[in-house]
Amino acid sequence: MKPVFCLLLFIAVTSAASGQNTPDTTATPRSRVLRFSETGTTEQDRAVLNIFVREEENGEPLLGATVLLTRQNPDQVHGKVSQWNGRCRLKVAPGAYTLRIQMTGIVTYEQKNLELDAGKQYEMELDMARLGRSVPSAKSQAAKNR
């Protein structure tokens, strides 16, 4: 009985070490930036951040995502809600900000120390991952109801 147990233990250890038969249960959905670039100029005392958010699974724009830019010194919070086309525009004083994008059913995205310079305009495009099971979009539901 002892040699059989040792053989089974050896097989289990070598399978685990090679990564076979071990499902990856640690993978969690993540929202991510697809593109961030400086795209032009604006007023000398302001920075402009244009944001486009879409749902990762189907690529559709997200309506109603809350976009927050928080600045520590001086203490400021700027907020917008993404429109029907998944876009919003924030015009702020230059400085270092924490960007947070959140929505019910979506994985929150947060980026600290986002530096926005005076007189510059930026574009940011993000894929937002769903939490758990996918929920049909309003667009797809409307198509079914025709």
N, C-alpha and C. Protein backbone atom coordinates (compact mmCIF):
# COMPACT_ATOMS: atom_id res chain seq x y z
N MET A 1 0.82 -1.18 0.00
CA MET A 1 0.00 0.00 0.00
C MET A 1 0.87 1.25 0.00
N LYS A 2 2.00 1.19 0.67
CA LYS A 2 2.88 2.34 0.75
C LYS A 2 3.41 2.76 -0.62
N PRO A 3 3.88 1.83 -1.48
CA PRO A 3 4.38 2.25 -2.80
C PRO A 3 3.28 2.90 -3.65
N VAL A 4 2.05 2.45 -3.56
CA VAL A 4 0.96 3.03 -4.34
C VAL A 4 0.70 4.46 -3.87
N PHE A 5 0.69 4.69 -2.58
CA PHE A 5 0.49 6.04 -2.03
C PHE A 5 1.60 6.98 -2.50
N CYS A 6 2.85 6.50 -2.45
CA CYS A 6 3.99 7.33 -2.89
C CYS A 6 3.87 7.65 -4.38
N LEU A 7 3.43 6.70 -5.19
CA LEU A 7 3.28 6.91 -6.62
C LEU A 7 2.18 7.95 -6.87
N LEU A 8 1.06 7.85 -6.17
CA LEU A 8 -0.02 8.82 -6.33
C LEU A 8 0.42 10.22 -5.88
N LEU A 9 1.17 10.28 -4.80
CA LEU A 9 1.68 11.56 -4.32
C LEU A 9 2.64 12.17 -5.34
N PHE A 10 3.51 11.36 -5.91
CA PHE A 10 4.45 11.82 -6.93
C PHE A 10 3.70 12.37 -8.15
N ILE A 11 2.67 11.68 -8.60
CA ILE A 11 1.89 12.12 -9.75
C ILE A 11 1.19 13.45 -9.44
N ALA A 12 0.63 13.57 -8.27
CA ALA A 12 -0.07 14.81 -7.89
C ALA A 12 0.90 15.99 -7.83
N VAL A 13 2.08 15.77 -7.26
CA VAL A 13 3.07 16.85 -7.14
C VAL A 13 3.60 17.26 -8.50
N THR A 14 3.90 16.31 -9.37
CA THR A 14 4.44 16.67 -10.69
C THR A 14 3.37 17.32 -11.56
N SER A 15 2.12 16.91 -11.42
CA SER A 15 1.05 17.57 -12.17
C SER A 15 0.87 19.01 -11.71
N ALA A 16 0.92 19.24 -10.42
CA ALA A 16 0.76 20.60 -9.88
C ALA A 16 1.93 21.48 -10.30
N ALA A 17 3.14 20.90 -10.29
CA ALA A 17 4.32 21.67 -10.66
C ALA A 17 4.31 22.04 -12.13
N SER A 18 3.77 21.18 -12.97
CA SER A 18 3.75 21.47 -14.40
C SER A 18 2.54 22.32 -14.80
N GLY A 19 1.63 22.56 -13.87
CA GLY A 19 0.48 23.41 -14.15
C GLY A 19 -0.67 22.67 -14.79
N GLN A 20 -0.57 21.38 -14.94
CA GLN A 20 -1.64 20.60 -15.54
C GLN A 20 -2.70 20.29 -14.50
N ASN A 21 -3.93 20.22 -14.96
CA ASN A 21 -5.07 19.84 -14.13
C ASN A 21 -5.29 20.77 -12.95
N THR A 22 -4.80 22.00 -13.03
CA THR A 22 -5.05 22.96 -11.96
C THR A 22 -5.72 24.17 -12.58
N PRO A 23 -7.04 24.29 -12.43
CA PRO A 23 -7.75 25.41 -13.01
C PRO A 23 -7.34 26.73 -12.36
N ASP A 24 -7.29 27.80 -13.18
CA ASP A 24 -6.92 29.12 -12.69
C ASP A 24 -8.16 29.80 -12.11
N THR A 25 -8.26 29.79 -10.80
CA THR A 25 -9.42 30.41 -10.14
C THR A 25 -9.10 31.80 -9.63
N THR A 26 -7.85 32.26 -9.84
CA THR A 26 -7.46 33.58 -9.36
C THR A 26 -7.71 34.68 -10.38
N ALA A 27 -8.01 34.32 -11.61
CA ALA A 27 -8.23 35.32 -12.65
C ALA A 27 -9.53 36.08 -12.37
N THR A 28 -9.40 37.38 -12.15
CA THR A 28 -10.58 38.23 -11.93
C THR A 28 -10.64 39.24 -13.06
N PRO A 29 -11.84 39.64 -13.43
CA PRO A 29 -11.95 40.62 -14.51
C PRO A 29 -11.33 41.95 -14.09
N ARG A 30 -10.72 42.64 -15.04
CA ARG A 30 -10.09 43.93 -14.76
C ARG A 30 -10.46 44.93 -15.83
N SER A 31 -10.77 46.14 -15.41
CA SER A 31 -10.95 47.24 -16.33
C SER A 31 -9.57 47.77 -16.66
N ARG A 32 -9.38 48.25 -17.91
CA ARG A 32 -8.03 48.65 -18.30
C ARG A 32 -8.05 49.80 -19.30
N VAL A 33 -6.95 50.53 -19.32
CA VAL A 33 -6.77 51.62 -20.27
C VAL A 33 -6.27 51.03 -21.58
N LEU A 34 -6.93 51.38 -22.67
CA LEU A 34 -6.48 50.94 -23.99
C LEU A 34 -5.54 51.97 -24.62
N ARG A 35 -5.84 53.24 -24.36
CA ARG A 35 -5.05 54.31 -24.96
C ARG A 35 -5.09 55.54 -24.07
N PHE A 36 -3.93 56.18 -23.92
CA PHE A 36 -3.85 57.47 -23.24
C PHE A 36 -2.81 58.28 -23.97
N SER A 37 -3.22 59.43 -24.49
CA SER A 37 -2.28 60.23 -25.26
C SER A 37 -2.61 61.71 -25.16
N GLU A 38 -1.58 62.51 -25.38
CA GLU A 38 -1.76 63.95 -25.46
C GLU A 38 -2.19 64.23 -26.90
N THR A 39 -3.28 64.98 -27.06
CA THR A 39 -3.83 65.16 -28.41
C THR A 39 -3.87 66.60 -28.89
N GLY A 40 -3.52 67.55 -28.05
CA GLY A 40 -3.57 68.92 -28.51
C GLY A 40 -3.35 69.91 -27.39
N THR A 41 -3.74 71.14 -27.66
CA THR A 41 -3.56 72.20 -26.68
C THR A 41 -4.92 72.79 -26.30
N THR A 42 -4.92 73.51 -25.20
CA THR A 42 -6.13 74.14 -24.69
C THR A 42 -5.72 75.44 -24.00
N GLU A 43 -6.60 76.02 -23.23
CA GLU A 43 -6.26 77.24 -22.49
C GLU A 43 -5.02 77.01 -21.64
N GLN A 44 -4.17 78.04 -21.53
CA GLN A 44 -2.90 77.91 -20.82
C GLN A 44 -3.02 77.52 -19.35
N ASP A 45 -4.11 77.89 -18.69
CA ASP A 45 -4.22 77.60 -17.26
C ASP A 45 -5.07 76.36 -16.96
N ARG A 46 -5.42 75.59 -17.98
CA ARG A 46 -6.28 74.41 -17.80
C ARG A 46 -5.70 73.19 -18.50
N ALA A 47 -6.16 72.04 -18.06
CA ALA A 47 -5.89 70.76 -18.74
C ALA A 47 -7.25 70.16 -19.06
N VAL A 48 -7.36 69.48 -20.20
CA VAL A 48 -8.61 68.86 -20.61
C VAL A 48 -8.37 67.36 -20.76
N LEU A 49 -9.24 66.57 -20.13
CA LEU A 49 -9.18 65.12 -20.24
C LEU A 49 -10.49 64.64 -20.85
N ASN A 50 -10.39 64.08 -22.06
CA ASN A 50 -11.54 63.50 -22.75
C ASN A 50 -11.48 61.99 -22.53
N ILE A 51 -12.56 61.44 -22.00
CA ILE A 51 -12.58 60.01 -21.66
C ILE A 51 -13.66 59.31 -22.46
N PHE A 52 -13.31 58.11 -22.97
CA PHE A 52 -14.26 57.25 -23.66
C PHE A 52 -14.24 55.90 -22.95
N VAL A 53 -15.40 55.49 -22.40
CA VAL A 53 -15.50 54.19 -21.72
C VAL A 53 -16.45 53.30 -22.49
N ARG A 54 -16.06 52.05 -22.59
CA ARG A 54 -16.93 51.07 -23.26
C ARG A 54 -16.87 49.76 -22.50
N GLU A 55 -17.88 48.95 -22.75
CA GLU A 55 -17.97 47.64 -22.10
C GLU A 55 -17.04 46.68 -22.82
N GLU A 56 -16.18 46.03 -22.07
CA GLU A 56 -15.15 45.17 -22.63
C GLU A 56 -15.71 44.02 -23.47
N GLU A 57 -16.77 43.40 -22.99
CA GLU A 57 -17.30 42.19 -23.63
C GLU A 57 -17.85 42.44 -25.03
N ASN A 58 -18.59 43.53 -25.21
CA ASN A 58 -19.24 43.75 -26.51
C ASN A 58 -18.80 45.05 -27.20
N GLY A 59 -17.95 45.84 -26.56
CA GLY A 59 -17.44 47.06 -27.17
C GLY A 59 -18.41 48.23 -27.22
N GLU A 60 -19.58 48.08 -26.60
CA GLU A 60 -20.56 49.15 -26.63
C GLU A 60 -20.21 50.25 -25.63
N PRO A 61 -20.47 51.52 -25.98
CA PRO A 61 -20.21 52.63 -25.05
C PRO A 61 -21.03 52.46 -23.77
N LEU A 62 -20.45 52.90 -22.65
CA LEU A 62 -21.14 52.81 -21.36
C LEU A 62 -21.80 54.14 -21.03
N LEU A 63 -23.08 54.13 -20.87
CA LEU A 63 -23.85 55.29 -20.45
C LEU A 63 -23.99 55.24 -18.94
N GLY A 64 -23.64 56.32 -18.25
CA GLY A 64 -23.88 56.40 -16.82
C GLY A 64 -22.73 56.02 -15.93
N ALA A 65 -21.54 55.83 -16.48
CA ALA A 65 -20.37 55.56 -15.63
C ALA A 65 -19.96 56.86 -14.95
N THR A 66 -19.65 56.81 -13.66
CA THR A 66 -19.20 57.97 -12.92
C THR A 66 -17.69 58.11 -13.06
N VAL A 67 -17.24 59.28 -13.51
CA VAL A 67 -15.82 59.56 -13.70
C VAL A 67 -15.43 60.64 -12.69
N LEU A 68 -14.48 60.31 -11.81
CA LEU A 68 -14.04 61.25 -10.78
C LEU A 68 -12.55 61.52 -10.90
N LEU A 69 -12.18 62.80 -10.85
CA LEU A 69 -10.79 63.22 -10.76
C LEU A 69 -10.62 63.88 -9.41
N THR A 70 -9.77 63.32 -8.55
CA THR A 70 -9.56 63.84 -7.20
C THR A 70 -8.14 64.35 -7.09
N ARG A 71 -8.02 65.53 -6.52
CA ARG A 71 -6.71 66.16 -6.32
C ARG A 71 -6.51 66.39 -4.83
N GLN A 72 -5.33 66.04 -4.33
CA GLN A 72 -5.05 66.15 -2.90
C GLN A 72 -4.78 67.58 -2.45
N ASN A 73 -3.97 68.30 -3.22
CA ASN A 73 -3.56 69.62 -2.76
C ASN A 73 -3.68 70.64 -3.87
N PRO A 74 -4.57 71.58 -3.85
CA PRO A 74 -5.64 71.72 -2.87
C PRO A 74 -6.70 70.64 -3.08
N ASP A 75 -7.43 70.35 -2.04
CA ASP A 75 -8.44 69.30 -2.06
C ASP A 75 -9.56 69.64 -3.04
N GLN A 76 -9.63 68.90 -4.15
CA GLN A 76 -10.65 69.14 -5.18
C GLN A 76 -11.15 67.81 -5.73
N VAL A 77 -12.44 67.79 -6.09
CA VAL A 77 -13.01 66.63 -6.76
C VAL A 77 -13.81 67.15 -7.95
N HIS A 78 -13.52 66.60 -9.13
CA HIS A 78 -14.26 66.92 -10.34
C HIS A 78 -14.96 65.64 -10.78
N GLY A 79 -16.22 65.73 -11.13
CA GLY A 79 -16.95 64.53 -11.52
C GLY A 79 -17.83 64.76 -12.73
N LYS A 80 -17.98 63.73 -13.52
CA LYS A 80 -18.86 63.73 -14.69
C LYS A 80 -19.46 62.33 -14.80
N VAL A 81 -20.52 62.25 -15.60
CA VAL A 81 -21.15 60.97 -15.91
C VAL A 81 -21.04 60.76 -17.41
N SER A 82 -20.63 59.56 -17.82
CA SER A 82 -20.49 59.30 -19.25
C SER A 82 -21.85 59.38 -19.93
N GLN A 83 -21.86 59.94 -21.13
CA GLN A 83 -23.08 60.15 -21.90
C GLN A 83 -23.42 58.92 -22.74
N TRP A 84 -24.44 59.01 -23.57
CA TRP A 84 -24.92 57.89 -24.39
C TRP A 84 -23.82 57.30 -25.26
N ASN A 85 -22.83 58.13 -25.63
CA ASN A 85 -21.75 57.66 -26.51
C ASN A 85 -20.52 57.21 -25.72
N GLY A 86 -20.65 57.12 -24.38
CA GLY A 86 -19.56 56.65 -23.53
C GLY A 86 -18.50 57.70 -23.26
N ARG A 87 -18.78 58.94 -23.62
CA ARG A 87 -17.77 60.00 -23.50
C ARG A 87 -18.10 61.01 -22.41
N CYS A 88 -17.05 61.60 -21.86
CA CYS A 88 -17.19 62.75 -20.97
C CYS A 88 -15.90 63.57 -21.06
N ARG A 89 -16.01 64.82 -20.68
CA ARG A 89 -14.90 65.77 -20.80
C ARG A 89 -14.73 66.51 -19.48
N LEU A 90 -13.51 66.50 -18.95
CA LEU A 90 -13.21 67.20 -17.71
C LEU A 90 -12.17 68.28 -18.01
N LYS A 91 -12.48 69.50 -17.62
CA LYS A 91 -11.58 70.64 -17.78
C LYS A 91 -11.15 71.06 -16.38
N VAL A 92 -9.85 70.88 -16.07
CA VAL A 92 -9.39 71.04 -14.69
C VAL A 92 -8.10 71.86 -14.63
N ALA A 93 -7.76 72.28 -13.42
CA ALA A 93 -6.47 72.91 -13.18
C ALA A 93 -5.38 71.85 -13.34
N PRO A 94 -4.21 72.23 -13.80
CA PRO A 94 -3.13 71.24 -13.95
C PRO A 94 -2.71 70.68 -12.60
N GLY A 95 -2.19 69.46 -12.62
CA GLY A 95 -1.71 68.84 -11.39
C GLY A 95 -1.79 67.33 -11.45
N ALA A 96 -1.52 66.71 -10.31
CA ALA A 96 -1.58 65.25 -10.18
C ALA A 96 -2.93 64.87 -9.59
N TYR A 97 -3.60 63.93 -10.22
CA TYR A 97 -4.95 63.51 -9.83
C TYR A 97 -5.02 62.00 -9.65
N THR A 98 -6.04 61.57 -8.93
CA THR A 98 -6.44 60.17 -8.91
C THR A 98 -7.69 60.07 -9.75
N LEU A 99 -7.66 59.22 -10.76
CA LEU A 99 -8.81 58.99 -11.64
C LEU A 99 -9.53 57.74 -11.17
N ARG A 100 -10.84 57.85 -11.03
CA ARG A 100 -11.66 56.70 -10.62
C ARG A 100 -12.89 56.66 -11.52
N ILE A 101 -13.14 55.50 -12.13
CA ILE A 101 -14.32 55.30 -12.97
C ILE A 101 -15.07 54.12 -12.40
N GLN A 102 -16.36 54.34 -12.11
CA GLN A 102 -17.15 53.29 -11.46
C GLN A 102 -18.57 53.28 -12.00
N MET A 103 -19.19 52.13 -11.89
CA MET A 103 -20.57 51.94 -12.32
C MET A 103 -21.06 50.62 -11.73
N THR A 104 -22.31 50.57 -11.38
CA THR A 104 -22.87 49.34 -10.86
C THR A 104 -22.72 48.23 -11.89
N GLY A 105 -22.21 47.08 -11.45
CA GLY A 105 -22.04 45.92 -12.33
C GLY A 105 -20.75 45.93 -13.12
N ILE A 106 -19.91 46.95 -12.92
CA ILE A 106 -18.66 47.09 -13.67
C ILE A 106 -17.49 47.11 -12.67
N VAL A 107 -16.36 46.54 -13.07
CA VAL A 107 -15.16 46.56 -12.25
C VAL A 107 -14.62 47.99 -12.22
N THR A 108 -14.47 48.56 -11.04
CA THR A 108 -13.98 49.92 -10.88
C THR A 108 -12.54 50.03 -11.37
N TYR A 109 -12.26 51.14 -12.07
CA TYR A 109 -10.90 51.42 -12.52
C TYR A 109 -10.37 52.60 -11.70
N GLU A 110 -9.15 52.48 -11.20
CA GLU A 110 -8.54 53.59 -10.47
C GLU A 110 -7.07 53.72 -10.86
N GLN A 111 -6.66 54.96 -11.10
CA GLN A 111 -5.27 55.25 -11.41
C GLN A 111 -4.82 56.45 -10.58
N LYS A 112 -3.78 56.26 -9.81
CA LYS A 112 -3.25 57.34 -8.97
C LYS A 112 -2.13 58.07 -9.72
N ASN A 113 -1.88 59.31 -9.30
CA ASN A 113 -0.80 60.12 -9.84
C ASN A 113 -0.88 60.34 -11.35
N LEU A 114 -2.07 60.60 -11.83
CA LEU A 114 -2.26 60.95 -13.24
C LEU A 114 -1.91 62.43 -13.38
N GLU A 115 -0.83 62.72 -14.06
CA GLU A 115 -0.32 64.09 -14.19
C GLU A 115 -0.93 64.74 -15.43
N LEU A 116 -1.65 65.84 -15.21
CA LEU A 116 -2.25 66.61 -16.29
C LEU A 116 -1.59 67.99 -16.32
N ASP A 117 -0.97 68.32 -17.45
CA ASP A 117 -0.21 69.56 -17.58
C ASP A 117 -1.06 70.70 -18.13
N ALA A 118 -0.71 71.92 -17.73
CA ALA A 118 -1.41 73.12 -18.18
C ALA A 118 -1.29 73.28 -19.69
N GLY A 119 -2.40 73.68 -20.32
CA GLY A 119 -2.41 73.95 -21.74
C GLY A 119 -2.44 72.72 -22.63
N LYS A 120 -2.62 71.52 -22.04
CA LYS A 120 -2.61 70.28 -22.84
C LYS A 120 -3.97 69.59 -22.76
N GLN A 121 -4.26 68.88 -23.84
CA GLN A 121 -5.50 68.10 -23.93
C GLN A 121 -5.12 66.63 -24.08
N TYR A 122 -5.86 65.76 -23.37
CA TYR A 122 -5.55 64.34 -23.35
C TYR A 122 -6.78 63.53 -23.74
N GLU A 123 -6.54 62.37 -24.36
CA GLU A 123 -7.59 61.41 -24.70
C GLU A 123 -7.28 60.11 -23.97
N MET A 124 -8.32 59.54 -23.35
CA MET A 124 -8.16 58.26 -22.67
C MET A 124 -9.33 57.35 -23.07
N GLU A 125 -8.99 56.14 -23.47
CA GLU A 125 -9.99 55.15 -23.86
C GLU A 125 -9.84 53.93 -22.96
N LEU A 126 -10.98 53.48 -22.39
CA LEU A 126 -10.92 52.37 -21.44
C LEU A 126 -11.92 51.29 -21.79
N ASP A 127 -11.52 50.05 -21.56
CA ASP A 127 -12.42 48.89 -21.60
C ASP A 127 -12.79 48.59 -20.16
N MET A 128 -14.07 48.57 -19.86
CA MET A 128 -14.54 48.32 -18.51
C MET A 128 -15.11 46.89 -18.45
N ALA A 129 -14.56 46.09 -17.54
CA ALA A 129 -14.97 44.69 -17.39
C ALA A 129 -16.22 44.59 -16.53
N ARG A 130 -17.07 43.64 -16.85
CA ARG A 130 -18.28 43.38 -16.07
C ARG A 130 -17.94 42.51 -14.86
N LEU A 131 -18.68 42.73 -13.79
CA LEU A 131 -18.59 41.86 -12.61
C LEU A 131 -19.53 40.70 -12.84
N GLY A 132 -19.06 39.51 -12.71
CA GLY A 132 -19.94 38.35 -12.82
C GLY A 132 -20.55 38.19 -14.19
N ARG A 133 -21.78 37.70 -14.21
CA ARG A 133 -22.50 37.42 -15.45
C ARG A 133 -22.83 38.68 -16.21
N SER A 134 -22.75 38.60 -17.52
CA SER A 134 -23.06 39.74 -18.37
C SER A 134 -24.55 40.06 -18.34
N VAL A 135 -24.86 41.35 -18.33
CA VAL A 135 -26.24 41.82 -18.35
C VAL A 135 -26.49 42.40 -19.74
N PRO A 136 -27.61 42.07 -20.39
CA PRO A 136 -27.87 42.60 -21.73
C PRO A 136 -27.90 44.12 -21.72
N SER A 137 -27.33 44.73 -22.76
CA SER A 137 -27.32 46.19 -22.86
C SER A 137 -28.71 46.70 -23.25
N ALA A 138 -28.94 47.96 -23.00
CA ALA A 138 -30.21 48.58 -23.38
C ALA A 138 -30.42 48.50 -24.89
N LYS A 139 -29.34 48.66 -25.64
CA LYS A 139 -29.41 48.60 -27.10
C LYS A 139 -29.86 47.22 -27.58
N SER A 140 -29.28 46.15 -27.00
CA SER A 140 -29.65 44.81 -27.42
C SER A 140 -31.08 44.46 -26.99
N GLN A 141 -31.49 44.95 -25.82
CA GLN A 141 -32.86 44.72 -25.34
C GLN A 141 -33.87 45.42 -26.24
N ALA A 142 -33.56 46.64 -26.66
CA ALA A 142 -34.47 47.39 -27.54
C ALA A 142 -34.63 46.67 -28.87
N ALA A 143 -33.55 46.09 -29.37
CA ALA A 143 -33.62 45.35 -30.65
C ALA A 143 -34.51 44.13 -30.52
N LYS A 144 -34.51 43.47 -29.37
CA LYS A 144 -35.36 42.30 -29.15
C LYS A 144 -36.83 42.68 -29.06
N ASN A 145 -37.12 43.88 -28.59
CA ASN A 145 -38.50 44.30 -28.36
C ASN A 145 -39.18 44.87 -29.60
N ARG A 146 -38.51 44.91 -30.72
CA ARG A 146 -39.11 45.45 -31.94
C ARG A 146 -40.07 44.49 -32.58
